[in-house]
Protein backbone atom coordinates (compact mmCIF):
# COMPACT_ATOMS: atom_id res chain seq x y z
CA MET A 1 -3.16 -16.11 17.31
CA GLN A 2 -1.63 -12.67 16.87
CA ARG A 3 1.24 -11.35 18.91
CA PHE A 4 4.10 -8.88 18.76
CA VAL A 5 7.65 -10.22 18.85
CA THR A 6 10.55 -7.96 19.81
CA THR A 7 13.97 -8.44 18.21
CA GLY A 8 17.29 -7.91 19.94
CA GLU A 9 17.41 -4.44 18.34
CA GLY A 10 14.10 -3.52 19.91
CA VAL A 11 12.09 -3.81 16.68
CA ARG A 12 8.50 -4.94 17.32
CA LEU A 13 7.17 -7.31 14.66
CA TRP A 14 3.49 -8.11 14.23
CA THR A 15 3.09 -11.86 13.81
CA GLU A 16 0.31 -14.38 13.40
CA SER A 17 0.26 -18.13 14.00
CA SER A 18 -2.54 -20.22 12.47
CA GLY A 19 -3.23 -23.90 13.03
CA HIS A 20 -2.40 -26.29 15.84
CA ALA A 21 0.77 -25.74 17.87
CA GLU A 22 1.72 -29.41 17.53
CA ASP A 23 1.61 -29.35 13.71
CA PRO A 24 4.84 -28.86 11.71
CA PRO A 25 5.50 -25.11 11.32
CA VAL A 26 5.76 -23.19 8.06
CA LEU A 27 7.14 -19.64 8.05
CA LEU A 28 5.94 -17.49 5.14
CA ILE A 29 8.26 -14.57 4.30
CA THR A 30 6.83 -12.05 1.87
CA GLY A 31 8.53 -9.61 -0.48
CA ALA A 32 9.91 -6.11 -0.13
CA ASN A 33 7.71 -3.45 1.46
CA ALA A 34 4.94 -6.02 1.89
CA SER A 35 3.07 -7.05 5.02
CA ALA A 36 1.55 -10.33 6.20
CA PRO A 37 -1.80 -10.08 4.33
CA SER A 38 0.07 -10.35 1.02
CA TRP A 39 -0.17 -14.06 1.88
CA PRO A 40 -3.97 -14.33 1.47
CA ASP A 41 -6.09 -15.74 4.28
CA GLU A 42 -7.41 -18.41 1.91
CA PHE A 43 -3.90 -19.67 1.21
CA VAL A 44 -3.11 -19.82 4.92
CA GLU A 45 -6.38 -21.66 5.59
CA LEU A 46 -5.55 -24.21 2.91
CA LEU A 47 -2.18 -24.95 4.47
CA VAL A 48 -3.75 -25.27 7.90
CA SER A 49 -6.35 -27.68 6.51
CA ARG A 50 -3.48 -29.85 5.27
CA GLY A 51 -1.98 -30.15 8.71
CA TRP A 52 0.46 -27.25 8.94
CA ARG A 53 1.00 -24.55 11.52
CA VAL A 54 1.44 -21.34 9.49
CA LEU A 55 3.32 -18.24 10.61
CA ARG A 56 3.28 -14.95 8.74
CA TYR A 57 4.48 -11.56 9.88
CA ASP A 58 4.87 -7.92 8.93
CA HIS A 59 8.41 -7.00 7.95
CA ARG A 60 9.86 -4.09 9.89
CA ASP A 61 8.68 -0.83 8.32
CA THR A 62 5.47 -2.45 7.05
CA GLY A 63 2.03 -3.21 8.41
CA ARG A 64 1.80 -2.98 12.18
CA SER A 65 5.49 -3.56 12.85
CA THR A 66 7.94 -0.87 13.98
CA ARG A 67 8.46 2.04 11.57
CA VAL A 68 11.77 3.89 11.63
CA ASP A 69 13.54 6.79 9.98
CA ILE A 70 15.90 4.68 7.90
CA ILE A 71 18.31 7.57 7.38
CA GLU A 72 18.81 7.87 11.12
CA ARG A 73 18.49 4.14 11.83
CA PRO A 74 19.75 2.29 8.73
CA TYR A 75 19.47 -1.47 8.59
CA SER A 76 20.37 -4.28 6.21
CA VAL A 77 18.75 -7.19 4.45
CA ALA A 78 20.74 -9.40 6.82
CA ASP A 79 19.04 -7.63 9.74
CA MET A 80 15.70 -8.50 8.17
CA ALA A 81 16.74 -12.15 8.01
CA GLY A 82 17.41 -11.86 11.72
CA ASP A 83 13.82 -10.68 12.11
CA ALA A 84 12.63 -14.01 10.72
CA VAL A 85 14.67 -15.84 13.35
CA ALA A 86 13.15 -13.59 16.02
CA VAL A 87 9.68 -14.60 14.83
CA LEU A 88 10.55 -18.28 15.28
CA ASP A 89 12.05 -17.57 18.70
CA GLY A 90 9.02 -15.54 19.74
CA HIS A 91 6.74 -18.48 19.00
CA GLY A 92 9.02 -21.03 20.63
CA ILE A 93 9.88 -22.77 17.35
CA THR A 94 13.32 -24.31 16.97
CA GLY A 95 12.97 -25.29 13.31
CA ALA A 96 10.51 -24.56 10.51
CA HIS A 97 9.87 -25.03 6.82
CA VAL A 98 10.43 -21.63 5.18
CA VAL A 99 8.79 -20.24 2.04
CA GLY A 100 10.34 -17.00 0.80
CA PHE A 101 8.82 -14.92 -1.97
CA SER A 102 10.88 -12.31 -3.88
CA LEU A 103 12.85 -10.45 -1.18
CA GLY A 104 11.66 -13.22 1.12
CA GLY A 105 13.63 -15.60 -1.10
CA THR A 106 16.73 -13.49 -0.52
CA LEU A 107 16.11 -13.69 3.22
CA GLY A 108 15.62 -17.43 2.88
CA GLN A 109 19.07 -17.79 1.33
CA VAL A 110 20.62 -15.77 4.15
CA LEU A 111 18.80 -17.96 6.67
CA ALA A 112 20.14 -21.09 4.98
CA LEU A 113 23.69 -19.72 5.22
CA ASP A 114 23.57 -18.26 8.72
CA HIS A 115 20.86 -20.25 10.48
CA GLY A 116 20.75 -23.52 8.57
CA PRO A 117 19.86 -25.71 11.57
CA ARG A 118 16.66 -23.67 12.05
CA LEU A 119 15.39 -24.61 8.57
CA ARG A 120 13.72 -27.96 7.92
CA SER A 121 13.37 -27.10 4.25
CA LEU A 122 13.29 -24.02 2.04
CA ALA A 123 11.21 -22.89 -0.95
CA LEU A 124 12.54 -19.89 -2.91
CA VAL A 125 9.86 -18.32 -5.10
CA ALA A 126 10.35 -15.60 -7.76
CA THR A 127 13.75 -14.51 -6.51
CA ALA A 128 17.40 -14.27 -7.55
CA ALA A 129 20.64 -15.70 -6.19
CA LEU A 130 22.68 -13.74 -3.69
CA ASP A 131 25.43 -13.16 -6.25
CA VAL A 132 23.09 -11.11 -8.46
CA ASP A 133 23.58 -7.33 -8.21
CA PHE A 134 19.87 -6.63 -7.99
CA VAL A 135 20.19 -2.95 -6.99
CA GLY A 136 22.60 -2.33 -9.85
CA ASN A 137 20.33 -4.20 -12.25
CA MET A 138 17.48 -1.82 -11.46
CA ARG A 139 19.64 1.06 -12.68
CA ARG A 140 20.86 -0.93 -15.68
CA ALA A 141 17.29 -1.70 -16.70
CA LEU A 142 16.49 2.00 -17.04
CA ALA A 143 19.76 2.70 -18.85
CA ASP A 144 19.26 -0.25 -21.21
CA GLU A 145 22.56 -1.77 -20.09
CA PRO A 146 23.28 -5.49 -19.72
CA SER A 147 24.00 -7.05 -16.35
CA PRO A 148 27.61 -8.13 -15.74
CA ASP A 149 26.58 -11.75 -15.19
CA GLY A 150 24.61 -11.97 -18.44
CA LEU A 151 21.30 -12.62 -16.67
CA PRO A 152 18.31 -10.47 -17.62
CA THR A 153 17.61 -7.29 -15.72
CA PRO A 154 14.11 -6.34 -14.54
CA THR A 155 11.93 -4.85 -17.24
CA PRO A 156 12.08 -1.05 -17.48
CA GLN A 157 8.30 -0.90 -17.07
CA ILE A 158 8.32 -2.61 -13.69
CA VAL A 159 11.29 -0.55 -12.48
CA ARG A 160 9.46 2.67 -13.35
CA ALA A 161 6.37 1.37 -11.58
CA MET A 162 8.39 0.56 -8.47
CA VAL A 163 10.04 3.98 -8.50
CA SER A 164 6.63 5.62 -8.78
CA ARG A 165 5.67 4.12 -5.40
CA ALA A 166 7.36 7.15 -3.86
CA ASP A 167 4.98 9.56 -5.63
CA PRO A 168 2.55 11.25 -3.23
CA VAL A 169 -0.94 9.74 -3.12
CA THR A 170 -3.82 11.99 -2.15
CA ASP A 171 -6.61 9.48 -1.53
CA ARG A 172 -7.32 5.79 -1.02
CA GLU A 173 -8.92 5.26 -4.43
CA SER A 174 -5.88 6.61 -6.27
CA ALA A 175 -3.66 4.40 -4.14
CA LEU A 176 -5.74 1.34 -4.99
CA ARG A 177 -5.57 2.07 -8.72
CA ALA A 178 -1.78 2.44 -8.59
CA ARG A 179 -1.36 -0.82 -6.70
CA VAL A 180 -3.62 -2.76 -9.08
CA ASP A 181 -1.82 -1.30 -12.10
CA GLU A 182 1.49 -2.53 -10.70
CA TRP A 183 0.05 -6.00 -10.13
CA ARG A 184 -1.07 -5.98 -13.77
CA LEU A 185 2.56 -5.54 -14.83
CA LEU A 186 3.71 -8.24 -12.45
CA ALA A 187 1.08 -10.72 -13.60
CA GLY A 188 2.28 -11.28 -17.15
CA GLU A 189 0.01 -12.12 -20.05
CA VAL A 190 -0.48 -15.89 -19.88
CA LEU A 191 -3.20 -16.04 -17.22
CA PRO A 192 -6.22 -13.71 -17.18
CA PHE A 193 -5.83 -10.72 -14.91
CA ASP A 194 -8.78 -10.01 -12.61
CA ALA A 195 -8.38 -6.44 -11.41
CA GLU A 196 -11.17 -6.81 -8.84
CA GLU A 197 -9.40 -9.70 -7.12
CA PHE A 198 -6.22 -7.67 -6.73
CA ARG A 199 -8.23 -4.67 -5.62
CA ARG A 200 -9.74 -6.75 -2.81
CA LEU A 201 -6.29 -8.00 -1.87
CA GLU A 202 -4.92 -4.47 -1.59
CA GLN A 203 -7.96 -3.32 0.34
CA ARG A 204 -7.19 -5.97 2.96
CA VAL A 205 -3.56 -4.85 3.05
CA MET A 206 -4.56 -1.21 3.55
CA ASP A 207 -7.04 -2.10 6.26
CA HIS A 208 -4.36 -4.12 8.05
CA GLU A 209 -1.82 -1.30 7.84
CA GLY A 210 -4.27 1.49 8.60
CA SER A 211 -2.89 3.59 5.75
CA TRP A 212 -2.97 3.82 1.98
CA GLN A 213 0.60 5.16 1.82
CA ARG A 214 2.98 2.49 0.53
CA PRO A 215 6.04 1.55 2.58
CA GLY A 216 9.33 2.14 0.78
CA ASN A 217 12.25 1.85 3.17
CA HIS A 218 13.28 -1.60 1.97
CA ALA A 219 14.47 -0.02 -1.28
CA VAL A 220 17.34 1.65 0.58
CA THR A 221 18.36 -1.13 2.95
CA THR A 222 21.95 -2.36 2.76
CA PRO A 223 21.95 -5.34 0.38
CA VAL A 224 23.61 -8.68 0.99
CA PRO A 225 27.15 -8.59 -0.44
CA THR A 226 27.16 -10.44 -3.75
CA GLU A 227 30.29 -12.29 -2.62
CA ARG A 228 28.06 -14.38 -0.36
CA GLY A 229 26.61 -16.10 -3.42
CA VAL A 230 29.52 -18.53 -3.62
CA ASP A 231 28.67 -19.78 -0.14
CA LEU A 232 25.37 -21.19 -1.39
CA ALA A 233 27.27 -24.24 -2.62
CA GLN A 234 27.66 -25.24 1.03
CA VAL A 235 23.95 -25.11 1.87
CA THR A 236 22.56 -28.45 3.01
CA THR A 237 18.94 -27.40 3.62
CA PRO A 238 16.57 -29.26 1.23
CA THR A 239 15.50 -26.53 -1.16
CA LEU A 240 13.07 -25.98 -4.01
CA VAL A 241 13.29 -23.05 -6.46
CA VAL A 242 10.12 -21.81 -8.18
CA GLU A 243 10.30 -19.14 -10.87
CA GLY A 244 7.69 -17.34 -12.93
CA GLY A 245 8.09 -17.72 -16.66
CA GLN A 246 6.90 -14.14 -17.17
CA GLY A 247 8.21 -12.64 -13.95
CA PRO A 248 9.37 -9.10 -14.84
CA ILE A 249 11.57 -8.56 -11.77
CA ASN A 250 13.76 -11.68 -11.93
CA PRO A 251 12.99 -13.10 -15.38
CA PRO A 252 14.11 -16.58 -16.39
CA PRO A 253 16.66 -18.03 -16.25
CA HIS A 254 17.26 -16.49 -12.79
CA GLY A 255 15.67 -19.52 -11.15
CA ALA A 256 17.90 -21.93 -13.04
CA ALA A 257 20.93 -19.80 -12.21
CA LEU A 258 20.01 -19.94 -8.53
CA GLY A 259 19.74 -23.70 -8.76
CA ARG A 260 23.21 -23.89 -10.31
CA CYS A 261 24.72 -21.90 -7.42
CA THR A 262 24.04 -24.74 -5.05
CA PRO A 263 23.99 -28.49 -4.59
CA PRO A 264 21.36 -29.92 -7.01
CA TRP A 265 18.23 -27.94 -6.23
CA PRO A 266 15.13 -28.61 -8.33
CA VAL A 267 13.65 -25.70 -10.27
CA ARG A 268 9.96 -25.57 -11.10
CA ALA A 269 8.33 -23.10 -13.49
CA GLY A 270 5.30 -20.96 -12.80
CA THR A 271 3.99 -18.08 -14.88
CA ARG A 272 4.39 -14.72 -13.16
CA HIS A 273 6.03 -12.69 -10.42
CA GLY A 274 3.46 -12.94 -7.71
CA THR A 275 0.48 -15.11 -7.14
CA ARG A 276 -3.20 -14.44 -7.39
CA PRO A 277 -5.74 -13.37 -4.80
CA ALA A 278 -8.29 -15.98 -3.84
CA ARG A 279 -12.00 -15.76 -4.39
CA GLN A 280 -14.09 -17.19 -1.59
CA ARG A 281 -15.75 -19.60 -4.01
CA ALA A 282 -12.49 -21.01 -5.36
CA PRO A 283 -11.60 -24.52 -4.13
CA VAL A 284 -7.93 -23.48 -3.96
CA PRO A 285 -6.48 -19.98 -3.62
CA ARG A 286 -6.50 -18.38 -7.04
CA ARG A 287 -3.75 -16.04 -5.97
CA THR A 288 -1.53 -19.12 -6.01
CA SER A 289 -0.51 -20.23 -9.49
CA ARG A 290 -2.28 -23.45 -10.47
CA ARG A 291 1.07 -24.75 -11.65
CA ALA A 292 3.03 -23.67 -8.59
CA LEU A 293 0.54 -24.75 -5.95
CA PRO A 294 1.10 -28.53 -6.35
CA VAL A 295 4.84 -27.93 -6.37
CA VAL A 296 4.87 -26.05 -3.10
CA LEU A 297 2.23 -28.12 -1.34
CA ASP A 298 2.81 -31.63 -2.66
CA ARG A 299 6.38 -31.70 -3.95
CA GLY A 300 7.88 -28.88 -1.96
CA PRO A 301 8.49 -28.25 1.72
CA LEU A 302 4.78 -28.26 2.47
CA ARG A 303 3.97 -31.92 1.95
CA ALA A 304 2.09 -33.52 4.80
CA GLY A 305 4.15 -36.16 6.53
CA SER A 306 7.41 -35.20 4.83
CA VAL A 307 9.06 -34.22 8.10
CA THR A 308 8.91 -37.76 9.47
CA ARG A 309 10.22 -39.78 6.52
CA ARG A 310 13.66 -40.13 5.00
CA GLY A 311 15.27 -41.13 1.75
CA HIS A 312 15.14 -40.18 -1.93
CA ASP A 313 11.42 -40.79 -2.33
CA SER A 314 10.43 -38.72 0.69
CA CYS A 315 12.73 -35.73 0.36
CA PRO A 316 10.70 -32.69 1.47
CA VAL A 317 11.46 -30.86 -1.77
CA GLY A 318 11.54 -33.76 -4.19
CA CYS A 319 15.20 -33.19 -5.01
CA GLY A 320 16.09 -36.85 -5.36
CA ARG A 321 18.75 -36.77 -2.62
CA ALA A 322 18.72 -38.44 0.76
CA CYS A 323 17.95 -35.25 2.59
CA GLY A 324 14.58 -36.00 4.20
């Protein structure tokens, strides 16, 4: 079921709910300048088949959601976290399991701080803690300067690729090539890279958005103050951190550092920043890392039945605490 949800600021967000209304809800929050189809249909269908109601949505300034002149109408990452709450409200959901990828992981942390009672559990995938100066680290990566916290900066190659998103694109084919080339950098070198799979993924994204021009306003949103990172120690939402061993945007040990910011959160390793598109013939979505998929589905927030049981053995994120 597709519907538009309007926030208190008047921003219209395109949303989609899949599965049965009575099933436990999972809210998928994608990364910066990305729209709902970046969570592949096959992945959504798999979650639904395991008994979950799945919500995904287009961030503001992406997909079919409201586009604004960000110079005239600036907004913040915290405002975008508020959008996620508006999606839950618009679908009549009081509490949901939340999976945040990249910028979505940042939004997930803000939700845990400001809207904790709305979260049943939280999975943070390929992201960094709120106390990391991510915007500054992008500049430091190009200048070959270390970060003040000693954690690795993004790789210069991926920063240059992200900056090049603003370059004018004259046709759909050129846009597709640029997007696939960026995914190649994000994918790392451990798992084979199938350019055709990512090409199909980006074709679906373009068809959904009705444009081959890439959104870019999220790059100039007001970031979350790094001082908020210390507040993560007070978070009580059961949480799982998943990081990619070759993720070029938030390389290890960013995941471990995020886990140390908080009460004992488990950290699981994947391979890359991003996950793989799914082929129709694949029994599980290939866009999802084979190592990360069991973590998120079976050990993480998305484990069937986890919302009804309590105790160490049934914690929704396998953290070993009585938080179920």
